[in-house]
Amino acid sequence: SGIIFSINDVRWHRQAPGKERERVAAITRSGIRNYADSVK
């Protein structure tokens, strides 16, 4: 909310205890997707 959602890329990240944050998935504003190998 409070943002023009459609012009933004969206990314999901995760962080496990004691580990670096990892990007797991992304979708661009045009709908192009990519994934970390660990979740493909």
Full PDB file with SEQRES, HELIX, SHEET, SSBOND, CRYST1, ORIGX, SCALE, CONECT and MASTER records, all heavy atoms in Angstrom:
SEQRES   1 A   40  SER GLY ILE ILE PHE SER ILE ASN ASP VAL ARG TRP HIS          
SEQRES   2 A   40  ARG GLN ALA PRO GLY LYS GLU ARG GLU ARG VAL ALA ALA          
SEQRES   3 A   40  ILE THR ARG SER GLY ILE ARG ASN TYR ALA ASP SER VAL          
SEQRES   4 A   40  LYS                                                          
HELIX    1 AA1 PHE A    5  ILE A    7  5                                   3    
SHEET    1 AA1 3 VAL A  10  ARG A  14  0                                        
SHEET    2 AA1 3 GLU A  22  ILE A  27 -1                                        
SHEET    3 AA1 3 ARG A  33  TYR A  35 -1                                        
CRYST1    1.000    1.000    1.000  90.00  90.00  90.00 P 1           1          
ORIGX1      1.000000  0.000000  0.000000        0.00000                         
ORIGX2      0.000000  1.000000  0.000000        0.00000                         
ORIGX3      0.000000  0.000000  1.000000        0.00000                         
SCALE1      1.000000  0.000000  0.000000        0.00000                         
SCALE2      0.000000  1.000000  0.000000        0.00000                         
SCALE3      0.000000  0.000000  1.000000        0.00000                         
ATOM      1  N   SER A   1       0.851  -1.185   0.000  1.00  0.00           N  
ATOM      2  CA  SER A   1       0.000   0.000   0.000  1.00  0.00           C  
ATOM      3  C   SER A   1       0.885   1.232   0.000  1.00  0.00           C  
ATOM      4  O   SER A   1       2.047   1.184   0.416  1.00  0.00           O  
ATOM      5  CB  SER A   1      -0.929   0.011   1.214  1.00  0.00           C  
ATOM      6  OG  SER A   1      -0.181   0.001   2.408  1.00  0.00           O  
ATOM      7  N   GLY A   2       0.326   2.330  -0.504  1.00  0.00           N  
ATOM      8  CA  GLY A   2       1.077   3.581  -0.544  1.00  0.00           C  
ATOM      9  C   GLY A   2       2.120   3.631  -1.626  1.00  0.00           C  
ATOM     10  O   GLY A   2       3.047   4.456  -1.569  1.00  0.00           O  
ATOM     11  N   ILE A   3       1.979   2.773  -2.642  1.00  0.00           N  
ATOM     12  CA  ILE A   3       2.987   2.679  -3.683  1.00  0.00           C  
ATOM     13  C   ILE A   3       2.294   2.271  -4.986  1.00  0.00           C  
ATOM     14  O   ILE A   3       1.252   1.611  -4.954  1.00  0.00           O  
ATOM     15  CB  ILE A   3       4.069   1.650  -3.297  1.00  0.00           C  
ATOM     16  CG1 ILE A   3       5.302   1.758  -4.196  1.00  0.00           C  
ATOM     17  CG2 ILE A   3       3.514   0.237  -3.284  1.00  0.00           C  
ATOM     18  CD1 ILE A   3       6.483   0.944  -3.700  1.00  0.00           C  
ATOM     19  N   ILE A   4       2.873   2.693  -6.107  1.00  0.00           N  
ATOM     20  CA  ILE A   4       2.358   2.237  -7.398  1.00  0.00           C  
ATOM     21  C   ILE A   4       2.960   0.870  -7.659  1.00  0.00           C  
ATOM     22  O   ILE A   4       4.067   0.732  -8.194  1.00  0.00           O  
ATOM     23  CB  ILE A   4       2.702   3.229  -8.521  1.00  0.00           C  
ATOM     24  CG1 ILE A   4       2.168   4.626  -8.173  1.00  0.00           C  
ATOM     25  CG2 ILE A   4       2.099   2.749  -9.850  1.00  0.00           C  
ATOM     26  CD1 ILE A   4       2.575   5.710  -9.141  1.00  0.00           C  
ATOM     27  N   PHE A   5       2.227  -0.136  -7.259  1.00  0.00           N  
ATOM     28  CA  PHE A   5       2.749  -1.503  -7.227  1.00  0.00           C  
ATOM     29  C   PHE A   5       3.241  -1.965  -8.598  1.00  0.00           C  
ATOM     30  O   PHE A   5       4.287  -2.592  -8.725  1.00  0.00           O  
ATOM     31  CB  PHE A   5       1.645  -2.428  -6.717  1.00  0.00           C  
ATOM     32  CG  PHE A   5       2.051  -3.862  -6.570  1.00  0.00           C  
ATOM     33  CD1 PHE A   5       2.779  -4.277  -5.469  1.00  0.00           C  
ATOM     34  CD2 PHE A   5       1.675  -4.804  -7.520  1.00  0.00           C  
ATOM     35  CE1 PHE A   5       3.141  -5.602  -5.315  1.00  0.00           C  
ATOM     36  CE2 PHE A   5       2.022  -6.124  -7.376  1.00  0.00           C  
ATOM     37  CZ  PHE A   5       2.760  -6.533  -6.283  1.00  0.00           C  
ATOM     38  N   SER A   6       2.505  -1.611  -9.638  1.00  0.00           N  
ATOM     39  CA  SER A   6       2.758  -2.196 -10.953  1.00  0.00           C  
ATOM     40  C   SER A   6       4.101  -1.791 -11.554  1.00  0.00           C  
ATOM     41  O   SER A   6       4.597  -2.481 -12.450  1.00  0.00           O  
ATOM     42  CB  SER A   6       1.634  -1.813 -11.919  1.00  0.00           C  
ATOM     43  OG  SER A   6       1.577  -0.410 -12.065  1.00  0.00           O  
ATOM     44  N   ILE A   7       4.703  -0.719 -11.098  1.00  0.00           N  
ATOM     45  CA  ILE A   7       5.960  -0.282 -11.703  1.00  0.00           C  
ATOM     46  C   ILE A   7       7.171  -0.869 -10.993  1.00  0.00           C  
ATOM     47  O   ILE A   7       8.312  -0.588 -11.354  1.00  0.00           O  
ATOM     48  CB  ILE A   7       6.085   1.250 -11.735  1.00  0.00           C  
ATOM     49  CG1 ILE A   7       6.231   1.837 -10.321  1.00  0.00           C  
ATOM     50  CG2 ILE A   7       4.908   1.868 -12.466  1.00  0.00           C  
ATOM     51  CD1 ILE A   7       6.599   3.310 -10.323  1.00  0.00           C  
ATOM     52  N   ASN A   8       6.909  -1.670  -9.976  1.00  0.00           N  
ATOM     53  CA  ASN A   8       7.996  -2.216  -9.165  1.00  0.00           C  
ATOM     54  C   ASN A   8       8.308  -3.665  -9.501  1.00  0.00           C  
ATOM     55  O   ASN A   8       7.396  -4.449  -9.773  1.00  0.00           O  
ATOM     56  CB  ASN A   8       7.624  -2.159  -7.683  1.00  0.00           C  
ATOM     57  CG  ASN A   8       7.759  -0.760  -7.119  1.00  0.00           C  
ATOM     58  OD1 ASN A   8       8.802  -0.386  -6.602  1.00  0.00           O  
ATOM     59  ND2 ASN A   8       6.696   0.022  -7.247  1.00  0.00           N  
ATOM     60  N   ASP A   9       9.587  -3.994  -9.470  1.00  0.00           N  
ATOM     61  CA  ASP A   9       9.966  -5.394  -9.424  1.00  0.00           C  
ATOM     62  C   ASP A   9       9.677  -5.901  -8.010  1.00  0.00           C  
ATOM     63  O   ASP A   9       9.784  -5.151  -7.043  1.00  0.00           O  
ATOM     64  CB  ASP A   9      11.457  -5.566  -9.710  1.00  0.00           C  
ATOM     65  CG  ASP A   9      11.841  -5.151 -11.120  1.00  0.00           C  
ATOM     66  OD1 ASP A   9      10.927  -4.973 -11.966  1.00  0.00           O  
ATOM     67  OD2 ASP A   9      13.056  -4.997 -11.375  1.00  0.00           O  
ATOM     68  N   VAL A  10       9.338  -7.160  -7.912  1.00  0.00           N  
ATOM     69  CA  VAL A  10       9.066  -7.764  -6.608  1.00  0.00           C  
ATOM     70  C   VAL A  10      10.057  -8.893  -6.383  1.00  0.00           C  
ATOM     71  O   VAL A  10      10.292  -9.712  -7.274  1.00  0.00           O  
ATOM     72  CB  VAL A  10       7.638  -8.325  -6.533  1.00  0.00           C  
ATOM     73  CG1 VAL A  10       7.401  -8.943  -5.147  1.00  0.00           C  
ATOM     74  CG2 VAL A  10       6.613  -7.250  -6.813  1.00  0.00           C  
ATOM     75  N   ARG A  11      10.613  -8.904  -5.198  1.00  0.00           N  
ATOM     76  CA  ARG A  11      11.574  -9.952  -4.861  1.00  0.00           C  
ATOM     77  C   ARG A  11      11.195 -10.559  -3.518  1.00  0.00           C  
ATOM     78  O   ARG A  11      10.732  -9.842  -2.624  1.00  0.00           O  
ATOM     79  CB  ARG A  11      12.984  -9.358  -4.760  1.00  0.00           C  
ATOM     80  CG  ARG A  11      13.428  -8.683  -6.044  1.00  0.00           C  
ATOM     81  CD  ARG A  11      14.529  -7.689  -5.791  1.00  0.00           C  
ATOM     82  NE  ARG A  11      15.002  -7.059  -7.010  1.00  0.00           N  
ATOM     83  CZ  ARG A  11      15.871  -6.071  -7.038  1.00  0.00           C  
ATOM     84  NH1 ARG A  11      16.384  -5.595  -5.913  1.00  0.00           N  
ATOM     85  NH2 ARG A  11      16.260  -5.561  -8.196  1.00  0.00           N  
ATOM     86  N   TRP A  12      11.409 -11.842  -3.399  1.00  0.00           N  
ATOM     87  CA  TRP A  12      11.294 -12.530  -2.115  1.00  0.00           C  
ATOM     88  C   TRP A  12      12.705 -12.959  -1.697  1.00  0.00           C  
ATOM     89  O   TRP A  12      13.450 -13.536  -2.488  1.00  0.00           O  
ATOM     90  CB  TRP A  12      10.397 -13.753  -2.207  1.00  0.00           C  
ATOM     91  CG  TRP A  12       8.944 -13.455  -2.266  1.00  0.00           C  
ATOM     92  CD1 TRP A  12       8.158 -13.370  -3.370  1.00  0.00           C  
ATOM     93  CD2 TRP A  12       8.076 -13.225  -1.145  1.00  0.00           C  
ATOM     94  NE1 TRP A  12       6.861 -13.098  -3.018  1.00  0.00           N  
ATOM     95  CE2 TRP A  12       6.785 -13.005  -1.658  1.00  0.00           C  
ATOM     96  CE3 TRP A  12       8.263 -13.197   0.236  1.00  0.00           C  
ATOM     97  CZ2 TRP A  12       5.681 -12.741  -0.841  1.00  0.00           C  
ATOM     98  CZ3 TRP A  12       7.176 -12.938   1.053  1.00  0.00           C  
ATOM     99  CH2 TRP A  12       5.894 -12.716   0.514  1.00  0.00           C  
ATOM    100  N   HIS A  13      13.004 -12.692  -0.443  1.00  0.00           N  
ATOM    101  CA  HIS A  13      14.284 -13.071   0.143  1.00  0.00           C  
ATOM    102  C   HIS A  13      14.010 -13.912   1.380  1.00  0.00           C  
ATOM    103  O   HIS A  13      12.901 -13.886   1.922  1.00  0.00           O  
ATOM    104  CB  HIS A  13      15.073 -11.833   0.573  1.00  0.00           C  
ATOM    105  CG  HIS A  13      15.232 -10.792  -0.483  1.00  0.00           C  
ATOM    106  ND1 HIS A  13      16.396 -10.592  -1.188  1.00  0.00           N  
ATOM    107  CD2 HIS A  13      14.358  -9.871  -0.962  1.00  0.00           C  
ATOM    108  CE1 HIS A  13      16.230  -9.604  -2.033  1.00  0.00           C  
ATOM    109  NE2 HIS A  13      14.999  -9.137  -1.929  1.00  0.00           N  
ATOM    110  N   ARG A  14      15.023 -14.603   1.830  1.00  0.00           N  
ATOM    111  CA  ARG A  14      14.886 -15.317   3.089  1.00  0.00           C  
ATOM    112  C   ARG A  14      16.194 -15.253   3.859  1.00  0.00           C  
ATOM    113  O   ARG A  14      17.262 -15.098   3.276  1.00  0.00           O  
ATOM    114  CB  ARG A  14      14.468 -16.773   2.877  1.00  0.00           C  
ATOM    115  CG  ARG A  14      15.512 -17.651   2.194  1.00  0.00           C  
ATOM    116  CD  ARG A  14      14.941 -19.026   1.912  1.00  0.00           C  
ATOM    117  NE  ARG A  14      15.921 -19.890   1.258  1.00  0.00           N  
ATOM    118  CZ  ARG A  14      15.621 -21.080   0.757  1.00  0.00           C  
ATOM    119  NH1 ARG A  14      14.375 -21.552   0.825  1.00  0.00           N  
ATOM    120  NH2 ARG A  14      16.577 -21.812   0.183  1.00  0.00           N  
ATOM    121  N   GLN A  15      16.056 -15.388   5.155  1.00  0.00           N  
ATOM    122  CA  GLN A  15      17.244 -15.424   6.000  1.00  0.00           C  
ATOM    123  C   GLN A  15      17.031 -16.443   7.105  1.00  0.00           C  
ATOM    124  O   GLN A  15      16.085 -16.308   7.892  1.00  0.00           O  
ATOM    125  CB  GLN A  15      17.562 -14.056   6.586  1.00  0.00           C  
ATOM    126  CG  GLN A  15      18.900 -14.018   7.315  1.00  0.00           C  
ATOM    127  CD  GLN A  15      19.399 -12.610   7.557  1.00  0.00           C  
ATOM    128  OE1 GLN A  15      18.639 -11.660   7.567  1.00  0.00           O  
ATOM    129  NE2 GLN A  15      20.701 -12.477   7.749  1.00  0.00           N  
ATOM    130  N   ALA A  16      17.903 -17.415   7.119  1.00  0.00           N  
ATOM    131  CA  ALA A  16      17.877 -18.432   8.166  1.00  0.00           C  
ATOM    132  C   ALA A  16      18.843 -18.011   9.273  1.00  0.00           C  
ATOM    133  O   ALA A  16      19.784 -17.254   9.024  1.00  0.00           O  
ATOM    134  CB  ALA A  16      18.284 -19.781   7.593  1.00  0.00           C  
ATOM    135  N   PRO A  17      18.634 -18.489  10.484  1.00  0.00           N  
ATOM    136  CA  PRO A  17      19.520 -18.126  11.597  1.00  0.00           C  
ATOM    137  C   PRO A  17      20.974 -18.430  11.272  1.00  0.00           C  
ATOM    138  O   PRO A  17      21.306 -19.535  10.824  1.00  0.00           O  
ATOM    139  CB  PRO A  17      19.011 -18.987  12.751  1.00  0.00           C  
ATOM    140  CG  PRO A  17      17.593 -19.258  12.419  1.00  0.00           C  
ATOM    141  CD  PRO A  17      17.535 -19.361  10.927  1.00  0.00           C  
ATOM    142  N   GLY A  18      21.829 -17.447  11.478  1.00  0.00           N  
ATOM    143  CA  GLY A  18      23.252 -17.647  11.261  1.00  0.00           C  
ATOM    144  C   GLY A  18      23.684 -17.656   9.815  1.00  0.00           C  
ATOM    145  O   GLY A  18      24.851 -17.931   9.514  1.00  0.00           O  
ATOM    146  N   LYS A  19      22.755 -17.367   8.901  1.00  0.00           N  
ATOM    147  CA  LYS A  19      23.093 -17.394   7.469  1.00  0.00           C  
ATOM    148  C   LYS A  19      22.867 -16.037   6.835  1.00  0.00           C  
ATOM    149  O   LYS A  19      22.127 -15.193   7.364  1.00  0.00           O  
ATOM    150  CB  LYS A  19      22.267 -18.456   6.751  1.00  0.00           C  
ATOM    151  CG  LYS A  19      22.596 -19.878   7.170  1.00  0.00           C  
ATOM    152  CD  LYS A  19      21.915 -20.884   6.261  1.00  0.00           C  
ATOM    153  CE  LYS A  19      22.318 -22.289   6.595  1.00  0.00           C  
ATOM    154  NZ  LYS A  19      21.684 -23.286   5.695  1.00  0.00           N  
ATOM    155  N   GLU A  20      23.487 -15.850   5.676  1.00  0.00           N  
ATOM    156  CA  GLU A  20      23.299 -14.622   4.912  1.00  0.00           C  
ATOM    157  C   GLU A  20      21.891 -14.603   4.322  1.00  0.00           C  
ATOM    158  O   GLU A  20      21.294 -15.639   4.051  1.00  0.00           O  
ATOM    159  CB  GLU A  20      24.314 -14.572   3.757  1.00  0.00           C  
ATOM    160  CG  GLU A  20      25.766 -14.532   4.185  1.00  0.00           C  
ATOM    161  CD  GLU A  20      26.196 -13.130   4.546  1.00  0.00           C  
ATOM    162  OE1 GLU A  20      25.688 -12.178   3.928  1.00  0.00           O  
ATOM    163  OE2 GLU A  20      27.035 -12.990   5.439  1.00  0.00           O  
ATOM    164  N   ARG A  21      21.387 -13.401   4.100  1.00  0.00           N  
ATOM    165  CA  ARG A  21      20.115 -13.283   3.420  1.00  0.00           C  
ATOM    166  C   ARG A  21      20.271 -13.734   1.974  1.00  0.00           C  
ATOM    167  O   ARG A  21      21.283 -13.442   1.327  1.00  0.00           O  
ATOM    168  CB  ARG A  21      19.625 -11.838   3.466  1.00  0.00           C  
ATOM    169  CG  ARG A  21      18.205 -11.646   2.961  1.00  0.00           C  
ATOM    170  CD  ARG A  21      17.727 -10.245   3.242  1.00  0.00           C  
ATOM    171  NE  ARG A  21      18.525  -9.255   2.538  1.00  0.00           N  
ATOM    172  CZ  ARG A  21      18.601  -7.971   2.891  1.00  0.00           C  
ATOM    173  NH1 ARG A  21      17.935  -7.541   3.942  1.00  0.00           N  
ATOM    174  NH2 ARG A  21      19.347  -7.133   2.203  1.00  0.00           N  
ATOM    175  N   GLU A  22      19.276 -14.426   1.481  1.00  0.00           N  
ATOM    176  CA  GLU A  22      19.315 -15.011   0.144  1.00  0.00           C  
ATOM    177  C   GLU A  22      18.083 -14.578  -0.633  1.00  0.00           C  
ATOM    178  O   GLU A  22      16.959 -14.674  -0.128  1.00  0.00           O  
ATOM    179  CB  GLU A  22      19.319 -16.545   0.267  1.00  0.00           C  
ATOM    180  CG  GLU A  22      19.200 -17.298  -1.033  1.00  0.00           C  
ATOM    181  CD  GLU A  22      18.968 -18.786  -0.831  1.00  0.00           C  
ATOM    182  OE1 GLU A  22      18.502 -19.196   0.244  1.00  0.00           O  
ATOM    183  OE2 GLU A  22      19.257 -19.554  -1.781  1.00  0.00           O  
ATOM    184  N   ARG A  23      18.291 -14.109  -1.862  1.00  0.00           N  
ATOM    185  CA  ARG A  23      17.147 -13.826  -2.725  1.00  0.00           C  
ATOM    186  C   ARG A  23      16.678 -15.144  -3.309  1.00  0.00           C  
ATOM    187  O   ARG A  23      17.466 -15.849  -3.943  1.00  0.00           O  
ATOM    188  CB  ARG A  23      17.495 -12.866  -3.832  1.00  0.00           C  
ATOM    189  CG  ARG A  23      16.286 -12.498  -4.690  1.00  0.00           C  
ATOM    190  CD  ARG A  23      16.667 -11.774  -5.947  1.00  0.00           C  
ATOM    191  NE  ARG A  23      17.345 -10.524  -5.693  1.00  0.00           N  
ATOM    192  CZ  ARG A  23      17.796  -9.727  -6.677  1.00  0.00           C  
ATOM    193  NH1 ARG A  23      17.619 -10.061  -7.928  1.00  0.00           N  
ATOM    194  NH2 ARG A  23      18.425  -8.608  -6.367  1.00  0.00           N  
ATOM    195  N   VAL A  24      15.417 -15.464  -3.151  1.00  0.00           N  
ATOM    196  CA  VAL A  24      14.931 -16.752  -3.653  1.00  0.00           C  
ATOM    197  C   VAL A  24      14.133 -16.627  -4.940  1.00  0.00           C  
ATOM    198  O   VAL A  24      14.104 -17.563  -5.741  1.00  0.00           O  
ATOM    199  CB  VAL A  24      14.096 -17.501  -2.588  1.00  0.00           C  
ATOM    200  CG1 VAL A  24      14.962 -17.870  -1.400  1.00  0.00           C  
ATOM    201  CG2 VAL A  24      12.903 -16.700  -2.141  1.00  0.00           C  
ATOM    202  N   ALA A  25      13.470 -15.505  -5.139  1.00  0.00           N  
ATOM    203  CA  ALA A  25      12.661 -15.358  -6.352  1.00  0.00           C  
ATOM    204  C   ALA A  25      12.435 -13.887  -6.641  1.00  0.00           C  
ATOM    205  O   ALA A  25      12.416 -13.064  -5.723  1.00  0.00           O  
ATOM    206  CB  ALA A  25      11.309 -16.070  -6.188  1.00  0.00           C  
ATOM    207  N   ALA A  26      12.241 -13.614  -7.916  1.00  0.00           N  
ATOM    208  CA  ALA A  26      11.967 -12.245  -8.335  1.00  0.00           C  
ATOM    209  C   ALA A  26      11.046 -12.259  -9.539  1.00  0.00           C  
ATOM    210  O   ALA A  26      11.068 -13.203 -10.336  1.00  0.00           O  
ATOM    211  CB  ALA A  26      13.266 -11.519  -8.665  1.00  0.00           C  
ATOM    212  N   ILE A  27      10.247 -11.202  -9.653  1.00  0.00           N  
ATOM    213  CA  ILE A  27       9.410 -11.020 -10.834  1.00  0.00           C  
ATOM    214  C   ILE A  27       9.468  -9.540 -11.188  1.00  0.00           C  
ATOM    215  O   ILE A  27       9.255  -8.675 -10.336  1.00  0.00           O  
ATOM    216  CB  ILE A  27       7.963 -11.515 -10.601  1.00  0.00           C  
ATOM    217  CG1 ILE A  27       7.137 -11.383 -11.876  1.00  0.00           C  
ATOM    218  CG2 ILE A  27       7.301 -10.823  -9.415  1.00  0.00           C  
ATOM    219  CD1 ILE A  27       5.796 -12.121 -11.808  1.00  0.00           C  
ATOM    220  N   THR A  28       9.805  -9.271 -12.438  1.00  0.00           N  
ATOM    221  CA  THR A  28       9.911  -7.878 -12.855  1.00  0.00           C  
ATOM    222  C   THR A  28       8.515  -7.295 -13.104  1.00  0.00           C  
ATOM    223  O   THR A  28       7.507  -8.007 -13.109  1.00  0.00           O  
ATOM    224  CB  THR A  28      10.733  -7.757 -14.138  1.00  0.00           C  
ATOM    225  OG1 THR A  28       9.998  -8.365 -15.217  1.00  0.00           O  
ATOM    226  CG2 THR A  28      12.086  -8.438 -14.001  1.00  0.00           C  
ATOM    227  N   ARG A  29       8.472  -6.000 -13.341  1.00  0.00           N  
ATOM    228  CA  ARG A  29       7.177  -5.363 -13.596  1.00  0.00           C  
ATOM    229  C   ARG A  29       6.570  -5.863 -14.895  1.00  0.00           C  
ATOM    230  O   ARG A  29       5.347  -5.777 -15.071  1.00  0.00           O  
ATOM    231  CB  ARG A  29       7.319  -3.851 -13.619  1.00  0.00           C  
ATOM    232  CG  ARG A  29       8.255  -3.327 -14.668  1.00  0.00           C  
ATOM    233  CD  ARG A  29       8.394  -1.824 -14.528  1.00  0.00           C  
ATOM    234  NE  ARG A  29       9.267  -1.260 -15.545  1.00  0.00           N  
ATOM    235  CZ  ARG A  29       9.499   0.036 -15.661  1.00  0.00           C  
ATOM    236  NH1 ARG A  29       8.926   0.895 -14.829  1.00  0.00           N  
ATOM    237  NH2 ARG A  29      10.300   0.483 -16.602  1.00  0.00           N  
ATOM    238  N   SER A  30       7.393  -6.429 -15.777  1.00  0.00           N  
ATOM    239  CA  SER A  30       6.874  -6.984 -17.026  1.00  0.00           C  
ATOM    240  C   SER A  30       6.594  -8.478 -16.912  1.00  0.00           C  
ATOM    241  O   SER A  30       6.180  -9.107 -17.888  1.00  0.00           O  
ATOM    242  CB  SER A  30       7.855  -6.723 -18.164  1.00  0.00           C  
ATOM    243  OG  SER A  30       9.111  -7.288 -17.875  1.00  0.00           O  
ATOM    244  N   GLY A  31       6.817  -9.050 -15.740  1.00  0.00           N  
ATOM    245  CA  GLY A  31       6.440 -10.441 -15.510  1.00  0.00           C  
ATOM    246  C   GLY A  31       7.534 -11.465 -15.715  1.00  0.00           C  
ATOM    247  O   GLY A  31       7.262 -12.671 -15.660  1.00  0.00           O  
ATOM    248  N   ILE A  32       8.758 -11.024 -15.921  1.00  0.00           N  
ATOM    249  CA  ILE A  32       9.860 -11.965 -16.069  1.00  0.00           C  
ATOM    250  C   ILE A  32      10.255 -12.478 -14.688  1.00  0.00           C  
ATOM    251  O   ILE A  32      10.477 -11.698 -13.773  1.00  0.00           O  
ATOM    252  CB  ILE A  32      11.053 -11.298 -16.763  1.00  0.00           C  
ATOM    253  CG1 ILE A  32      10.662 -10.866 -18.176  1.00  0.00           C  
ATOM    254  CG2 ILE A  32      12.244 -12.256 -16.807  1.00  0.00           C  
ATOM    255  CD1 ILE A  32      11.686 -10.019 -18.879  1.00  0.00           C  
ATOM    256  N   ARG A  33      10.353 -13.800 -14.587  1.00  0.00           N  
ATOM    257  CA  ARG A  33      10.643 -14.430 -13.309  1.00  0.00           C  
ATOM    258  C   ARG A  33      12.051 -15.023 -13.283  1.00  0.00           C  
ATOM    259  O   ARG A  33      12.537 -15.495 -14.304  1.00  0.00           O  
ATOM    260  CB  ARG A  33       9.648 -15.565 -13.034  1.00  0.00           C  
ATOM    261  CG  ARG A  33       8.207 -15.140 -12.921  1.00  0.00           C  
ATOM    262  CD  ARG A  33       7.307 -16.372 -12.873  1.00  0.00           C  
ATOM    263  NE  ARG A  33       5.923 -16.047 -12.578  1.00  0.00           N  
ATOM    264  CZ  ARG A  33       5.033 -15.686 -13.478  1.00  0.00           C  
ATOM    265  NH1 ARG A  33       5.382 -15.570 -14.757  1.00  0.00           N  
ATOM    266  NH2 ARG A  33       3.787 -15.431 -13.116  1.00  0.00           N  
ATOM    267  N   ASN A  34      12.643 -15.022 -12.128  1.00  0.00           N  
ATOM    268  CA  ASN A  34      13.848 -15.834 -11.946  1.00  0.00           C  
ATOM    269  C   ASN A  34      13.908 -16.326 -10.512  1.00  0.00           C  
ATOM    270  O   ASN A  34      13.261 -15.768  -9.619  1.00  0.00           O  
ATOM    271  CB  ASN A  34      15.119 -15.089 -12.354  1.00  0.00           C  
ATOM    272  CG  ASN A  34      15.351 -13.842 -11.554  1.00  0.00           C  
ATOM    273  OD1 ASN A  34      15.705 -13.896 -10.387  1.00  0.00           O  
ATOM    274  ND2 ASN A  34      15.172 -12.692 -12.182  1.00  0.00           N  
ATOM    275  N   TYR A  35      14.659 -17.406 -10.335  1.00  0.00           N  
ATOM    276  CA  TYR A  35      14.682 -18.121  -9.063  1.00  0.00           C  
ATOM    277  C   TYR A  35      16.103 -18.516  -8.688  1.00  0.00           C  
ATOM    278  O   TYR A  35      16.947 -18.768  -9.551  1.00  0.00           O  
ATOM    279  CB  TYR A  35      13.838 -19.399  -9.162  1.00  0.00           C  
ATOM    280  CG  TYR A  35      12.404 -19.168  -9.514  1.00  0.00           C  
ATOM    281  CD1 TYR A  35      11.965 -19.200 -10.833  1.00  0.00           C  
ATOM    282  CD2 TYR A  35      11.463 -18.902  -8.519  1.00  0.00           C  
ATOM    283  CE1 TYR A  35      10.639 -18.979 -11.160  1.00  0.00           C  
ATOM    284  CE2 TYR A  35      10.128 -18.682  -8.829  1.00  0.00           C  
ATOM    285  CZ  TYR A  35       9.732 -18.723 -10.153  1.00  0.00           C  
ATOM    286  OH  TYR A  35       8.410 -18.499 -10.462  1.00  0.00           O  
ATOM    287  N   ALA A  36      16.322 -18.615  -7.394  1.00  0.00           N  
ATOM    288  CA  ALA A  36      17.561 -19.207  -6.917  1.00  0.00           C  
ATOM    289  C   ALA A  36      17.565 -20.692  -7.269  1.00  0.00           C  
ATOM    290  O   ALA A  36      16.507 -21.339  -7.296  1.00  0.00           O  
ATOM    291  CB  ALA A  36      17.681 -19.038  -5.409  1.00  0.00           C  
ATOM    292  N   ASP A  37      18.745 -21.218  -7.523  1.00  0.00           N  
ATOM    293  CA  ASP A  37      18.838 -22.636  -7.879  1.00  0.00           C  
ATOM    294  C   ASP A  37      18.236 -23.527  -6.796  1.00  0.00           C  
ATOM    295  O   ASP A  37      17.675 -24.584  -7.085  1.00  0.00           O  
ATOM    296  CB  ASP A  37      20.299 -23.023  -8.104  1.00  0.00           C  
ATOM    297  CG  ASP A  37      20.859 -22.458  -9.400  1.00  0.00           C  
ATOM    298  OD1 ASP A  37      20.058 -22.044 -10.275  1.00  0.00           O  
ATOM    299  OD2 ASP A  37      22.094 -22.411  -9.539  1.00  0.00           O  
ATOM    300  N   SER A  38      18.343 -23.097  -5.562  1.00  0.00           N  
ATOM    301  CA  SER A  38      17.877 -23.914  -4.435  1.00  0.00           C  
ATOM    302  C   SER A  38      16.361 -24.100  -4.409  1.00  0.00           C  
ATOM    303  O   SER A  38      15.865 -25.009  -3.730  1.00  0.00           O  
ATOM    304  CB  SER A  38      18.343 -23.300  -3.115  1.00  0.00           C  
ATOM    305  OG  SER A  38      17.875 -21.967  -2.993  1.00  0.00           O  
ATOM    306  N   VAL A  39      15.635 -23.258  -5.138  1.00  0.00           N  
ATOM    307  CA  VAL A  39      14.166 -23.348  -5.091  1.00  0.00           C  
ATOM    308  C   VAL A  39      13.540 -23.584  -6.456  1.00  0.00           C  
ATOM    309  O   VAL A  39      12.317 -23.739  -6.554  1.00  0.00           O  
ATOM    310  CB  VAL A  39      13.548 -22.083  -4.453  1.00  0.00           C  
ATOM    311  CG1 VAL A  39      14.165 -21.816  -3.090  1.00  0.00           C  
ATOM    312  CG2 VAL A  39      13.670 -20.868  -5.354  1.00  0.00           C  
ATOM    313  N   LYS A  40      14.349 -23.631  -7.495  1.00  0.00           N  
ATOM    314  CA  LYS A  40      13.799 -23.826  -8.835  1.00  0.00           C  
ATOM    315  C   LYS A  40      13.000 -25.116  -8.916  1.00  0.00           C  
ATOM    316  O   LYS A  40      13.420 -26.155  -8.416  1.00  0.00           O  
ATOM    317  CB  LYS A  40      14.935 -23.875  -9.867  1.00  0.00           C  
ATOM    318  CG  LYS A  40      15.379 -22.529 -10.369  1.00  0.00           C  
ATOM    319  CD  LYS A  40      16.489 -22.675 -11.404  1.00  0.00           C  
ATOM    320  CE  LYS A  40      17.002 -21.305 -11.819  1.00  0.00           C  
ATOM    321  NZ  LYS A  40      18.156 -21.409 -12.727  1.00  0.00           N  
TER     322      LYS A  40                                                      
MASTER        0    0    0    1    3    0    0    6  321    1    0    4          
END                                                                             
